[in-house]
Amino acid sequence: MDRNLALEVVRVTEAAALASARLMGRGDRNGADQAAVEAMRKAFNDIAIRGEVVIGEGERDEAPMLYIGEKVGRCRDGDAEMEIAVDPLEGTNLCATGAPNALSVIAMGEKGRLLRAPDTYMEKIAVGPRARGAVDLRRTPTENLRRVADALGKYVEDLTVVILDRPRHAKLVREVREAGARIKLIGDGDVAGALNTCFPDTGVDLLMGVGGAPEGVIAAAALRCVGGDLQGRLVFRNDAERERARGYGVKDLDRIMGAEELAGGNVMFAATGVTHGDFLKGVRFTGDGARTHSVVMRSRTGTLRYIETEHHFTRSPDYGW
């Protein structure tokens, strides 16, 4: 995947972050999400790709923009064919309340290599590079905690586990506490939670629990770029979701999938902070513009680039301020 393309894609996440950050803390999660979607879709028009959204805002009849199957990019002869997974505003509730770790994220991969995940749930476990290979969804949470502790050279009592704060996780939370590990409950944004396992300064060692399947694919792409590890297993609420998964080409509905199966081949990940977080700063408005903080990663090289950008709205009419 071309390194220049990876840098161009950051402009797309920047546009979505800038648009949604205008609505930070105003209690309008749907408005913030829609602003991010519209800005991201417009920004895609300048990218030299023939892209297909395989993970987006939903089916075509449910989402007018960035729906699954939508074509994005310039789509000219010679442009690279890419599959795209997007979450224009990962953490809509976080943005609406001004809480940390809201992001705009994109994962891109070679045609046929991103799992076309249905809009259902996924049981996940994610760790950073030092604990790669230590986790297995077939094991109990306690067993996984002990193996991660051994891999990191820590006591279980020193581990910090990120878990979405949901009633469905009551049993998981109880077991992790009984094992002695610490817990960081989050209200939203498990892509950021998975990413945080890869950066020691965040203090996060694992992500556990059930979250969105689309977010699992995006997180898998990011963790592959930095050498982390993620396993996922689809969790269905009804037969309709099972049939939809089969329609997307998922043959073994109970299969435990590794990061390579979720986001294989050469992948790229880009994210821009919307609100301040553990590893990316949020959008800071300066009066005549704003500053954004982004990261772009490529699995081919393992390179991480952090990008601080100053935006001047009077000179950049595309931002629409």
C-alpha atoms as a PDB file:
ATOM      1  CA  MET A   1       0.000   0.000   0.000  1.00  0.00           C
ATOM      2  CA  ASP A   2       1.469   3.315  -1.106  1.00  0.00           C
ATOM      3  CA  ARG A   3       2.819   5.416   1.746  1.00  0.00           C
ATOM      4  CA  ASN A   4       1.618   8.619   0.092  1.00  0.00           C
ATOM      5  CA  LEU A   5      -1.907   7.209  -0.024  1.00  0.00           C
ATOM      6  CA  ALA A   6      -1.716   6.480   3.696  1.00  0.00           C
ATOM      7  CA  LEU A   7      -0.878  10.106   4.379  1.00  0.00           C
ATOM      8  CA  GLU A   8      -3.671  11.319   2.102  1.00  0.00           C
ATOM      9  CA  VAL A   9      -6.208   9.267   4.030  1.00  0.00           C
ATOM     10  CA  VAL A  10      -5.401  11.235   7.189  1.00  0.00           C
ATOM     11  CA  ARG A  11      -7.056  14.224   5.546  1.00  0.00           C
ATOM     12  CA  VAL A  12     -10.288  12.198   5.514  1.00  0.00           C
ATOM     13  CA  THR A  13     -10.212  11.432   9.239  1.00  0.00           C
ATOM     14  CA  GLU A  14      -9.199  15.022   9.960  1.00  0.00           C
ATOM     15  CA  ALA A  15     -12.249  16.328   8.091  1.00  0.00           C
ATOM     16  CA  ALA A  16     -14.595  14.033  10.013  1.00  0.00           C
ATOM     17  CA  ALA A  17     -12.995  14.910  13.343  1.00  0.00           C
ATOM     18  CA  LEU A  18     -13.219  18.642  12.707  1.00  0.00           C
ATOM     19  CA  ALA A  19     -16.889  18.418  11.755  1.00  0.00           C
ATOM     20  CA  SER A  20     -17.966  16.295  14.713  1.00  0.00           C
ATOM     21  CA  ALA A  21     -15.840  18.190  17.239  1.00  0.00           C
ATOM     22  CA  ARG A  22     -17.978  21.270  16.594  1.00  0.00           C
ATOM     23  CA  LEU A  23     -20.780  19.401  18.361  1.00  0.00           C
ATOM     24  CA  MET A  24     -18.725  18.074  21.271  1.00  0.00           C
ATOM     25  CA  GLY A  25     -20.578  18.119  24.571  1.00  0.00           C
ATOM     26  CA  ARG A  26     -23.875  19.310  23.088  1.00  0.00           C
ATOM     27  CA  GLY A  27     -25.715  16.067  23.765  1.00  0.00           C
ATOM     28  CA  ASP A  28     -26.481  15.427  20.106  1.00  0.00           C
ATOM     29  CA  ARG A  29     -24.856  12.095  19.312  1.00  0.00           C
ATOM     30  CA  ASN A  30     -26.767  11.652  16.056  1.00  0.00           C
ATOM     31  CA  GLY A  31     -25.973  15.158  14.870  1.00  0.00           C
ATOM     32  CA  ALA A  32     -22.273  14.717  15.615  1.00  0.00           C
ATOM     33  CA  ASP A  33     -22.219  11.368  13.808  1.00  0.00           C
ATOM     34  CA  GLN A  34     -23.999  12.779  10.768  1.00  0.00           C
ATOM     35  CA  ALA A  35     -21.593  15.716  10.593  1.00  0.00           C
ATOM     36  CA  ALA A  36     -18.656  13.305  10.635  1.00  0.00           C
ATOM     37  CA  VAL A  37     -20.203  11.085   7.963  1.00  0.00           C
ATOM     38  CA  GLU A  38     -20.896  13.966   5.597  1.00  0.00           C
ATOM     39  CA  ALA A  39     -17.411  15.449   6.009  1.00  0.00           C
ATOM     40  CA  MET A  40     -15.697  12.095   5.537  1.00  0.00           C
ATOM     41  CA  ARG A  41     -17.693  11.272   2.425  1.00  0.00           C
ATOM     42  CA  LYS A  42     -16.854  14.613   0.835  1.00  0.00           C
ATOM     43  CA  ALA A  43     -13.160  14.286   1.690  1.00  0.00           C
ATOM     44  CA  PHE A  44     -12.990  10.862   0.023  1.00  0.00           C
ATOM     45  CA  ASN A  45     -13.672  12.509  -3.344  1.00  0.00           C
ATOM     46  CA  ASP A  46     -10.077  13.765  -3.536  1.00  0.00           C
ATOM     47  CA  ILE A  47      -8.412  10.404  -2.791  1.00  0.00           C
ATOM     48  CA  ALA A  48      -6.952   8.513  -5.774  1.00  0.00           C
ATOM     49  CA  ILE A  49      -8.606   5.146  -5.109  1.00  0.00           C
ATOM     50  CA  ARG A  50     -11.425   2.981  -6.364  1.00  0.00           C
ATOM     51  CA  GLY A  51     -12.762   2.245  -2.914  1.00  0.00           C
ATOM     52  CA  GLU A  52     -15.651   0.130  -1.696  1.00  0.00           C
ATOM     53  CA  VAL A  53     -17.032   0.555   1.815  1.00  0.00           C
ATOM     54  CA  VAL A  54     -17.291  -2.910   3.367  1.00  0.00           C
ATOM     55  CA  ILE A  55     -17.889  -1.613   6.893  1.00  0.00           C
ATOM     56  CA  GLY A  56     -19.792   1.633   7.165  1.00  0.00           C
ATOM     57  CA  GLU A  57     -22.875   3.228   8.632  1.00  0.00           C
ATOM     58  CA  GLY A  58     -25.171   0.336   7.690  1.00  0.00           C
ATOM     59  CA  GLU A  59     -27.077  -0.992   4.724  1.00  0.00           C
ATOM     60  CA  ARG A  60     -27.963   1.323   1.863  1.00  0.00           C
ATOM     61  CA  ASP A  61     -31.618   1.623   2.917  1.00  0.00           C
ATOM     62  CA  GLU A  62     -30.561   2.524   6.462  1.00  0.00           C
ATOM     63  CA  ALA A  63     -27.693   4.949   5.755  1.00  0.00           C
ATOM     64  CA  PRO A  64     -27.728   7.533   2.968  1.00  0.00           C
ATOM     65  CA  MET A  65     -23.955   7.999   3.120  1.00  0.00           C
ATOM     66  CA  LEU A  66     -21.012   5.658   3.614  1.00  0.00           C
ATOM     67  CA  TYR A  67     -23.277   2.651   3.444  1.00  0.00           C
ATOM     68  CA  ILE A  68     -21.948  -0.865   2.924  1.00  0.00           C
ATOM     69  CA  GLY A  69     -21.212  -1.290  -0.756  1.00  0.00           C
ATOM     70  CA  GLU A  70     -20.842   2.416  -1.512  1.00  0.00           C
ATOM     71  CA  LYS A  71     -18.073   3.388  -3.920  1.00  0.00           C
ATOM     72  CA  VAL A  72     -15.765   6.160  -2.714  1.00  0.00           C
ATOM     73  CA  GLY A  73     -12.676   7.925  -3.993  1.00  0.00           C
ATOM     74  CA  ARG A  74     -11.966   9.444  -7.399  1.00  0.00           C
ATOM     75  CA  CYS A  75     -12.670   6.064  -9.051  1.00  0.00           C
ATOM     76  CA  ARG A  76     -10.620   6.847 -12.147  1.00  0.00           C
ATOM     77  CA  ASP A  77      -8.788   4.435 -14.402  1.00  0.00           C
ATOM     78  CA  GLY A  78      -5.555   3.342 -12.772  1.00  0.00           C
ATOM     79  CA  ASP A  79      -6.632   4.154  -9.223  1.00  0.00           C
ATOM     80  CA  ALA A  80      -5.958   1.353  -6.746  1.00  0.00           C
ATOM     81  CA  GLU A  81      -8.866  -0.889  -5.752  1.00  0.00           C
ATOM     82  CA  MET A  82      -9.293  -0.824  -1.986  1.00  0.00           C
ATOM     83  CA  GLU A  83     -11.705  -2.136   0.614  1.00  0.00           C
ATOM     84  CA  ILE A  84     -12.536   0.369   3.307  1.00  0.00           C
ATOM     85  CA  ALA A  85     -13.836   0.099   6.863  1.00  0.00           C
ATOM     86  CA  VAL A  86     -14.902   3.402   8.363  1.00  0.00           C
ATOM     87  CA  ASP A  87     -16.200   4.730  11.625  1.00  0.00           C
ATOM     88  CA  PRO A  88     -16.509   8.477  11.068  1.00  0.00           C
ATOM     89  CA  LEU A  89     -17.167   9.003  14.781  1.00  0.00           C
ATOM     90  CA  GLU A  90     -16.085   6.100  16.957  1.00  0.00           C
ATOM     91  CA  GLY A  91     -17.620   6.972  20.283  1.00  0.00           C
ATOM     92  CA  THR A  92     -20.703   9.030  19.462  1.00  0.00           C
ATOM     93  CA  ASN A  93     -21.712   9.183  23.135  1.00  0.00           C
ATOM     94  CA  LEU A  94     -18.177  10.226  24.067  1.00  0.00           C
ATOM     95  CA  CYS A  95     -18.355  13.172  21.689  1.00  0.00           C
ATOM     96  CA  ALA A  96     -21.877  14.098  22.778  1.00  0.00           C
ATOM     97  CA  THR A  97     -20.812  14.272  26.426  1.00  0.00           C
ATOM     98  CA  GLY A  98     -17.259  15.556  25.916  1.00  0.00           C
ATOM     99  CA  ALA A  99     -15.779  12.352  27.338  1.00  0.00           C
ATOM    100  CA  PRO A 100     -12.294  11.199  26.266  1.00  0.00           C
ATOM    101  CA  ASN A 101     -11.241   8.878  23.426  1.00  0.00           C
ATOM    102  CA  ALA A 102     -13.716   9.765  20.671  1.00  0.00           C
ATOM    103  CA  LEU A 103     -11.989   9.178  17.322  1.00  0.00           C
ATOM    104  CA  SER A 104     -12.514   9.322  13.592  1.00  0.00           C
ATOM    105  CA  VAL A 105     -11.060   6.123  12.112  1.00  0.00           C
ATOM    106  CA  ILE A 106     -10.445   4.419   8.771  1.00  0.00           C
ATOM    107  CA  ALA A 107      -8.946   1.043   7.908  1.00  0.00           C
ATOM    108  CA  MET A 108      -8.086   0.206   4.303  1.00  0.00           C
ATOM    109  CA  GLY A 109      -7.000  -3.072   2.803  1.00  0.00           C
ATOM    110  CA  GLU A 110      -6.540  -5.038  -0.363  1.00  0.00           C
ATOM    111  CA  LYS A 111      -9.625  -6.255  -2.181  1.00  0.00           C
ATOM    112  CA  GLY A 112     -11.112  -9.342  -0.557  1.00  0.00           C
ATOM    113  CA  ARG A 113      -9.059  -9.180   2.646  1.00  0.00           C
ATOM    114  CA  LEU A 114     -11.315  -7.312   5.114  1.00  0.00           C
ATOM    115  CA  LEU A 115     -14.042  -9.338   6.804  1.00  0.00           C
ATOM    116  CA  ARG A 116     -17.431  -8.077   5.709  1.00  0.00           C
ATOM    117  CA  ALA A 117     -18.738  -8.025   9.231  1.00  0.00           C
ATOM    118  CA  PRO A 118     -22.499  -7.765   9.715  1.00  0.00           C
ATOM    119  CA  ASP A 119     -23.862  -5.184  12.117  1.00  0.00           C
ATOM    120  CA  THR A 120     -23.926  -7.557  15.054  1.00  0.00           C
ATOM    121  CA  TYR A 121     -21.821  -8.155  18.143  1.00  0.00           C
ATOM    122  CA  MET A 122     -18.399  -9.711  18.500  1.00  0.00           C
ATOM    123  CA  GLU A 123     -16.703 -11.182  21.538  1.00  0.00           C
ATOM    124  CA  LYS A 124     -13.149  -9.808  21.560  1.00  0.00           C
ATOM    125  CA  ILE A 125      -9.887 -10.008  23.373  1.00  0.00           C
ATOM    126  CA  ALA A 126      -7.028  -7.697  22.424  1.00  0.00           C
ATOM    127  CA  VAL A 127      -3.472  -7.211  23.660  1.00  0.00           C
ATOM    128  CA  GLY A 128      -0.372  -5.312  22.638  1.00  0.00           C
ATOM    129  CA  PRO A 129       2.788  -6.666  20.980  1.00  0.00           C
ATOM    130  CA  ARG A 130       4.446  -7.972  24.146  1.00  0.00           C
ATOM    131  CA  ALA A 131       1.484 -10.271  24.885  1.00  0.00           C
ATOM    132  CA  ARG A 132       0.957 -11.385  21.301  1.00  0.00           C
ATOM    133  CA  GLY A 133       0.074 -15.092  21.226  1.00  0.00           C
ATOM    134  CA  ALA A 134      -0.771 -15.237  24.918  1.00  0.00           C
ATOM    135  CA  VAL A 135      -4.550 -14.964  24.637  1.00  0.00           C
ATOM    136  CA  ASP A 136      -7.202 -17.364  23.401  1.00  0.00           C
ATOM    137  CA  LEU A 137     -10.981 -16.882  23.514  1.00  0.00           C
ATOM    138  CA  ARG A 138     -11.351 -20.591  24.268  1.00  0.00           C
ATOM    139  CA  ARG A 139      -9.762 -19.991  27.655  1.00  0.00           C
ATOM    140  CA  THR A 140     -11.468 -18.421  30.653  1.00  0.00           C
ATOM    141  CA  PRO A 141     -10.849 -14.752  31.441  1.00  0.00           C
ATOM    142  CA  THR A 142      -8.835 -15.817  34.486  1.00  0.00           C
ATOM    143  CA  GLU A 143      -6.579 -18.059  32.401  1.00  0.00           C
ATOM    144  CA  ASN A 144      -6.028 -15.294  29.847  1.00  0.00           C
ATOM    145  CA  LEU A 145      -5.178 -12.811  32.578  1.00  0.00           C
ATOM    146  CA  ARG A 146      -2.549 -15.150  34.023  1.00  0.00           C
ATOM    147  CA  ARG A 147      -0.971 -15.780  30.618  1.00  0.00           C
ATOM    148  CA  VAL A 148      -0.853 -12.066  29.795  1.00  0.00           C
ATOM    149  CA  ALA A 149       0.665 -11.315  33.173  1.00  0.00           C
ATOM    150  CA  ASP A 150       3.380 -13.899  32.504  1.00  0.00           C
ATOM    151  CA  ALA A 151       4.052 -12.463  29.041  1.00  0.00           C
ATOM    152  CA  LEU A 152       4.364  -8.935  30.407  1.00  0.00           C
ATOM    153  CA  GLY A 153       6.362  -9.891  33.485  1.00  0.00           C
ATOM    154  CA  LYS A 154       3.670  -8.523  35.786  1.00  0.00           C
ATOM    155  CA  TYR A 155       1.444  -9.741  38.568  1.00  0.00           C
ATOM    156  CA  VAL A 156      -2.204 -10.223  37.620  1.00  0.00           C
ATOM    157  CA  GLU A 157      -2.960  -7.545  40.219  1.00  0.00           C
ATOM    158  CA  ASP A 158      -0.960  -5.057  38.126  1.00  0.00           C
ATOM    159  CA  LEU A 159      -2.932  -5.629  34.919  1.00  0.00           C
ATOM    160  CA  THR A 160      -5.523  -3.132  33.699  1.00  0.00           C
ATOM    161  CA  VAL A 161      -8.397  -4.482  31.599  1.00  0.00           C
ATOM    162  CA  VAL A 162     -10.670  -2.285  29.473  1.00  0.00           C
ATOM    163  CA  ILE A 163     -14.288  -3.465  29.399  1.00  0.00           C
ATOM    164  CA  LEU A 164     -17.356  -1.745  27.958  1.00  0.00           C
ATOM    165  CA  ASP A 165     -19.688  -0.727  30.778  1.00  0.00           C
ATOM    166  CA  ARG A 166     -22.700  -2.832  29.803  1.00  0.00           C
ATOM    167  CA  PRO A 167     -25.068  -5.099  31.794  1.00  0.00           C
ATOM    168  CA  ARG A 168     -23.998  -8.052  29.611  1.00  0.00           C
ATOM    169  CA  HIS A 169     -20.530  -7.833  31.137  1.00  0.00           C
ATOM    170  CA  ALA A 170     -21.569  -8.294  34.766  1.00  0.00           C
ATOM    171  CA  LYS A 171     -20.213 -11.864  34.897  1.00  0.00           C
ATOM    172  CA  LEU A 172     -16.976 -10.893  33.126  1.00  0.00           C
ATOM    173  CA  VAL A 173     -16.400  -7.940  35.438  1.00  0.00           C
ATOM    174  CA  ARG A 174     -16.983 -10.136  38.475  1.00  0.00           C
ATOM    175  CA  GLU A 175     -14.490 -12.768  37.298  1.00  0.00           C
ATOM    176  CA  VAL A 176     -11.802 -10.216  36.418  1.00  0.00           C
ATOM    177  CA  ARG A 177     -12.181  -8.626  39.849  1.00  0.00           C
ATOM    178  CA  GLU A 178     -12.031 -12.003  41.574  1.00  0.00           C
ATOM    179  CA  ALA A 179      -8.837 -12.765  39.639  1.00  0.00           C
ATOM    180  CA  GLY A 180      -7.351  -9.589  41.114  1.00  0.00           C
ATOM    181  CA  ALA A 181      -6.896  -7.480  37.979  1.00  0.00           C
ATOM    182  CA  ARG A 182      -7.842  -3.840  37.711  1.00  0.00           C
ATOM    183  CA  ILE A 183     -10.657  -2.697  35.414  1.00  0.00           C
ATOM    184  CA  LYS A 184     -11.199   0.440  33.371  1.00  0.00           C
ATOM    185  CA  LEU A 185     -14.882   0.582  32.452  1.00  0.00           C
ATOM    186  CA  ILE A 186     -15.613   2.640  29.346  1.00  0.00           C
ATOM    187  CA  GLY A 187     -18.944   3.895  28.096  1.00  0.00           C
ATOM    188  CA  ASP A 188     -18.114   3.664  24.403  1.00  0.00           C
ATOM    189  CA  GLY A 189     -15.225   3.377  21.946  1.00  0.00           C
ATOM    190  CA  ASP A 190     -13.690  -0.087  22.070  1.00  0.00           C
ATOM    191  CA  VAL A 191     -11.507   0.598  19.011  1.00  0.00           C
ATOM    192  CA  ALA A 192      -9.632   3.091  21.170  1.00  0.00           C
ATOM    193  CA  GLY A 193      -9.687   0.567  24.001  1.00  0.00           C
ATOM    194  CA  ALA A 194      -8.045  -2.079  21.827  1.00  0.00           C
ATOM    195  CA  LEU A 195      -5.465   0.383  20.514  1.00  0.00           C
ATOM    196  CA  ASN A 196      -4.554   1.476  24.003  1.00  0.00           C
ATOM    197  CA  THR A 197      -3.202  -2.003  24.750  1.00  0.00           C
ATOM    198  CA  CYS A 198      -0.347  -1.283  22.314  1.00  0.00           C
ATOM    199  CA  PHE A 199       0.961   1.863  23.980  1.00  0.00           C
ATOM    200  CA  PRO A 200       2.561   1.459  27.435  1.00  0.00           C
ATOM    201  CA  ASP A 201       1.863   5.057  28.443  1.00  0.00           C
ATOM    202  CA  THR A 202      -1.896   4.385  28.414  1.00  0.00           C
ATOM    203  CA  GLY A 203      -1.570   1.848  31.226  1.00  0.00           C
ATOM    204  CA  VAL A 204      -3.948  -0.575  29.473  1.00  0.00           C
ATOM    205  CA  ASP A 205      -2.968  -4.242  29.110  1.00  0.00           C
ATOM    206  CA  LEU A 206      -6.044  -5.985  27.679  1.00  0.00           C
ATOM    207  CA  LEU A 207      -9.437  -5.361  26.172  1.00  0.00           C
ATOM    208  CA  MET A 208     -12.107  -7.955  26.914  1.00  0.00           C
ATOM    209  CA  GLY A 209     -15.803  -8.347  26.260  1.00  0.00           C
ATOM    210  CA  VAL A 210     -18.495  -8.064  23.635  1.00  0.00           C
ATOM    211  CA  GLY A 211     -18.700  -5.026  21.355  1.00  0.00           C
ATOM    212  CA  GLY A 212     -19.582  -4.227  17.767  1.00  0.00           C
ATOM    213  CA  ALA A 213     -18.353  -6.605  15.069  1.00  0.00           C
ATOM    214  CA  PRO A 214     -17.508  -3.778  12.615  1.00  0.00           C
ATOM    215  CA  GLU A 215     -15.357  -2.139  15.274  1.00  0.00           C
ATOM    216  CA  GLY A 216     -13.605  -5.468  15.763  1.00  0.00           C
ATOM    217  CA  VAL A 217     -12.452  -5.487  12.134  1.00  0.00           C
ATOM    218  CA  ILE A 218     -11.215  -1.895  12.355  1.00  0.00           C
ATOM    219  CA  ALA A 219      -9.365  -2.629  15.596  1.00  0.00           C
ATOM    220  CA  ALA A 220      -7.815  -5.766  14.075  1.00  0.00           C
ATOM    221  CA  ALA A 221      -6.391  -3.698  11.202  1.00  0.00           C
ATOM    222  CA  ALA A 222      -4.872  -1.223  13.644  1.00  0.00           C
ATOM    223  CA  LEU A 223      -3.374  -3.912  15.887  1.00  0.00           C
ATOM    224  CA  ARG A 224      -1.847  -5.710  12.898  1.00  0.00           C
ATOM    225  CA  CYS A 225       0.001  -2.520  12.021  1.00  0.00           C
ATOM    226  CA  VAL A 226       1.636  -2.288  15.440  1.00  0.00           C
ATOM    227  CA  GLY A 227       2.145  -5.993  16.163  1.00  0.00           C
ATOM    228  CA  GLY A 228      -0.676  -6.435  18.638  1.00  0.00           C
ATOM    229  CA  ASP A 229      -3.103  -9.343  18.773  1.00  0.00           C
ATOM    230  CA  LEU A 230      -6.889  -9.605  18.619  1.00  0.00           C
ATOM    231  CA  GLN A 231      -9.275 -12.524  18.494  1.00  0.00           C
ATOM    232  CA  GLY A 232     -12.968 -12.228  17.740  1.00  0.00           C
ATOM    233  CA  ARG A 233     -16.044 -14.440  17.581  1.00  0.00           C
ATOM    234  CA  LEU A 234     -19.366 -13.228  16.214  1.00  0.00           C
ATOM    235  CA  VAL A 235     -22.233 -13.072  18.708  1.00  0.00           C
ATOM    236  CA  PHE A 236     -25.716 -13.077  17.205  1.00  0.00           C
ATOM    237  CA  ARG A 237     -28.913 -11.778  18.766  1.00  0.00           C
ATOM    238  CA  ASN A 238     -31.319 -13.563  16.432  1.00  0.00           C
ATOM    239  CA  ASP A 239     -31.624 -15.767  13.340  1.00  0.00           C
ATOM    240  CA  ALA A 240     -31.893 -12.727  11.064  1.00  0.00           C
ATOM    241  CA  GLU A 241     -28.380 -11.667  12.043  1.00  0.00           C
ATOM    242  CA  ARG A 242     -27.121 -15.174  11.370  1.00  0.00           C
ATOM    243  CA  GLU A 243     -28.628 -15.129   7.892  1.00  0.00           C
ATOM    244  CA  ARG A 244     -27.142 -11.700   7.203  1.00  0.00           C
ATOM    245  CA  ALA A 245     -23.703 -13.012   8.186  1.00  0.00           C
ATOM    246  CA  ARG A 246     -24.109 -15.943   5.805  1.00  0.00           C
ATOM    247  CA  GLY A 247     -25.088 -13.463   3.106  1.00  0.00           C
ATOM    248  CA  TYR A 248     -21.818 -11.624   3.693  1.00  0.00           C
ATOM    249  CA  GLY A 249     -19.905 -14.859   3.107  1.00  0.00           C
ATOM    250  CA  VAL A 250     -19.268 -15.931   6.711  1.00  0.00           C
ATOM    251  CA  LYS A 251     -19.330 -19.736   6.553  1.00  0.00           C
ATOM    252  CA  ASP A 252     -18.472 -20.798  10.110  1.00  0.00           C
ATOM    253  CA  LEU A 253     -20.609 -18.575  12.331  1.00  0.00           C
ATOM    254  CA  ASP A 254     -18.965 -19.790  15.543  1.00  0.00           C
ATOM    255  CA  ARG A 255     -15.370 -19.549  14.370  1.00  0.00           C
ATOM    256  CA  ILE A 256     -12.788 -17.731  16.481  1.00  0.00           C
ATOM    257  CA  MET A 257     -10.971 -15.412  14.097  1.00  0.00           C
ATOM    258  CA  GLY A 258      -7.541 -13.892  14.527  1.00  0.00           C
ATOM    259  CA  ALA A 259      -6.470 -10.447  13.419  1.00  0.00           C
ATOM    260  CA  GLU A 260      -5.188 -11.762  10.089  1.00  0.00           C
ATOM    261  CA  GLU A 261      -8.591 -13.277   9.272  1.00  0.00           C
ATOM    262  CA  LEU A 262     -10.406 -10.108  10.247  1.00  0.00           C
ATOM    263  CA  ALA A 263      -8.097  -7.737   8.374  1.00  0.00           C
ATOM    264  CA  GLY A 264      -5.620  -9.626   6.207  1.00  0.00           C
ATOM    265  CA  GLY A 265      -2.966  -8.668   3.710  1.00  0.00           C
ATOM    266  CA  ASN A 266      -1.481  -5.194   3.583  1.00  0.00           C
ATOM    267  CA  VAL A 267      -3.627  -2.872   5.657  1.00  0.00           C
ATOM    268  CA  MET A 268      -3.481   0.741   6.694  1.00  0.00           C
ATOM    269  CA  PHE A 269      -5.116   2.475   9.631  1.00  0.00           C
ATOM    270  CA  ALA A 270      -5.615   6.173  10.275  1.00  0.00           C
ATOM    271  CA  ALA A 271      -7.259   7.934  13.195  1.00  0.00           C
ATOM    272  CA  THR A 272      -7.765  11.523  14.295  1.00  0.00           C
ATOM    273  CA  GLY A 273      -8.711  12.477  17.830  1.00  0.00           C
ATOM    274  CA  VAL A 274     -12.078  14.179  18.293  1.00  0.00           C
ATOM    275  CA  THR A 275     -11.940  14.496  22.073  1.00  0.00           C
ATOM    276  CA  HIS A 276      -8.746  14.263  24.116  1.00  0.00           C
ATOM    277  CA  GLY A 277      -7.750  10.666  24.732  1.00  0.00           C
ATOM    278  CA  ASP A 278      -5.090   8.353  26.044  1.00  0.00           C
ATOM    279  CA  PHE A 279      -2.899   8.463  22.938  1.00  0.00           C
ATOM    280  CA  LEU A 280      -4.380  11.160  20.667  1.00  0.00           C
ATOM    281  CA  LYS A 281      -5.283  14.721  21.530  1.00  0.00           C
ATOM    282  CA  GLY A 282      -8.682  16.003  20.503  1.00  0.00           C
ATOM    283  CA  VAL A 283      -9.534  18.865  18.166  1.00  0.00           C
ATOM    284  CA  ARG A 284      -8.511  22.250  19.554  1.00  0.00           C
ATOM    285  CA  PHE A 285     -10.212  25.259  17.982  1.00  0.00           C
ATOM    286  CA  THR A 286      -8.026  28.360  17.767  1.00  0.00           C
ATOM    287  CA  GLY A 287     -10.382  31.066  16.528  1.00  0.00           C
ATOM    288  CA  ASP A 288      -9.396  31.206  12.876  1.00  0.00           C
ATOM    289  CA  GLY A 289      -8.841  27.465  12.618  1.00  0.00           C
ATOM    290  CA  ALA A 290      -8.060  24.354  14.609  1.00  0.00           C
ATOM    291  CA  ARG A 291      -5.354  21.845  15.455  1.00  0.00           C
ATOM    292  CA  THR A 292      -5.736  18.115  15.031  1.00  0.00           C
ATOM    293  CA  HIS A 293      -3.685  15.158  16.210  1.00  0.00           C
ATOM    294  CA  SER A 294      -3.656  12.003  14.097  1.00  0.00           C
ATOM    295  CA  VAL A 295      -1.857   8.713  13.674  1.00  0.00           C
ATOM    296  CA  VAL A 296      -1.352   6.686  10.511  1.00  0.00           C
ATOM    297  CA  MET A 297      -0.030   3.116  10.475  1.00  0.00           C
ATOM    298  CA  ARG A 298       0.910   0.578   7.804  1.00  0.00           C
ATOM    299  CA  SER A 299       1.160  -3.164   8.351  1.00  0.00           C
ATOM    300  CA  ARG A 300       3.787  -3.588   5.634  1.00  0.00           C
ATOM    301  CA  THR A 301       6.393  -1.555   7.512  1.00  0.00           C
ATOM    302  CA  GLY A 302       4.979  -1.293  11.031  1.00  0.00           C
ATOM    303  CA  THR A 303       5.585   2.448  10.829  1.00  0.00           C
ATOM    304  CA  LEU A 304       3.562   4.808  13.009  1.00  0.00           C
ATOM    305  CA  ARG A 305       3.410   8.471  12.090  1.00  0.00           C
ATOM    306  CA  TYR A 306       1.866  11.008  14.430  1.00  0.00           C
ATOM    307  CA  ILE A 307       0.680  14.088  12.604  1.00  0.00           C
ATOM    308  CA  GLU A 308      -0.085  17.482  14.173  1.00  0.00           C
ATOM    309  CA  THR A 309      -1.955  19.667  11.700  1.00  0.00           C
ATOM    310  CA  GLU A 310      -2.896  23.333  11.865  1.00  0.00           C
ATOM    311  CA  HIS A 311      -6.026  24.107   9.860  1.00  0.00           C
ATOM    312  CA  HIS A 312      -6.823  27.647   8.694  1.00  0.00           C
ATOM    313  CA  PHE A 313     -10.490  27.799   7.815  1.00  0.00           C
ATOM    314  CA  THR A 314     -10.292  31.059   5.876  1.00  0.00           C
ATOM    315  CA  ARG A 315      -7.850  29.408   3.478  1.00  0.00           C
ATOM    316  CA  SER A 316      -9.563  26.031   3.370  1.00  0.00           C
ATOM    317  CA  PRO A 317     -13.144  26.472   2.173  1.00  0.00           C
ATOM    318  CA  ASP A 318     -13.561  22.703   1.957  1.00  0.00           C
ATOM    319  CA  TYR A 319     -14.035  22.599   5.718  1.00  0.00           C
ATOM    320  CA  GLY A 320     -17.179  24.645   5.262  1.00  0.00           C
ATOM    321  CA  TRP A 321     -16.878  26.926   8.252  1.00  0.00           C
END
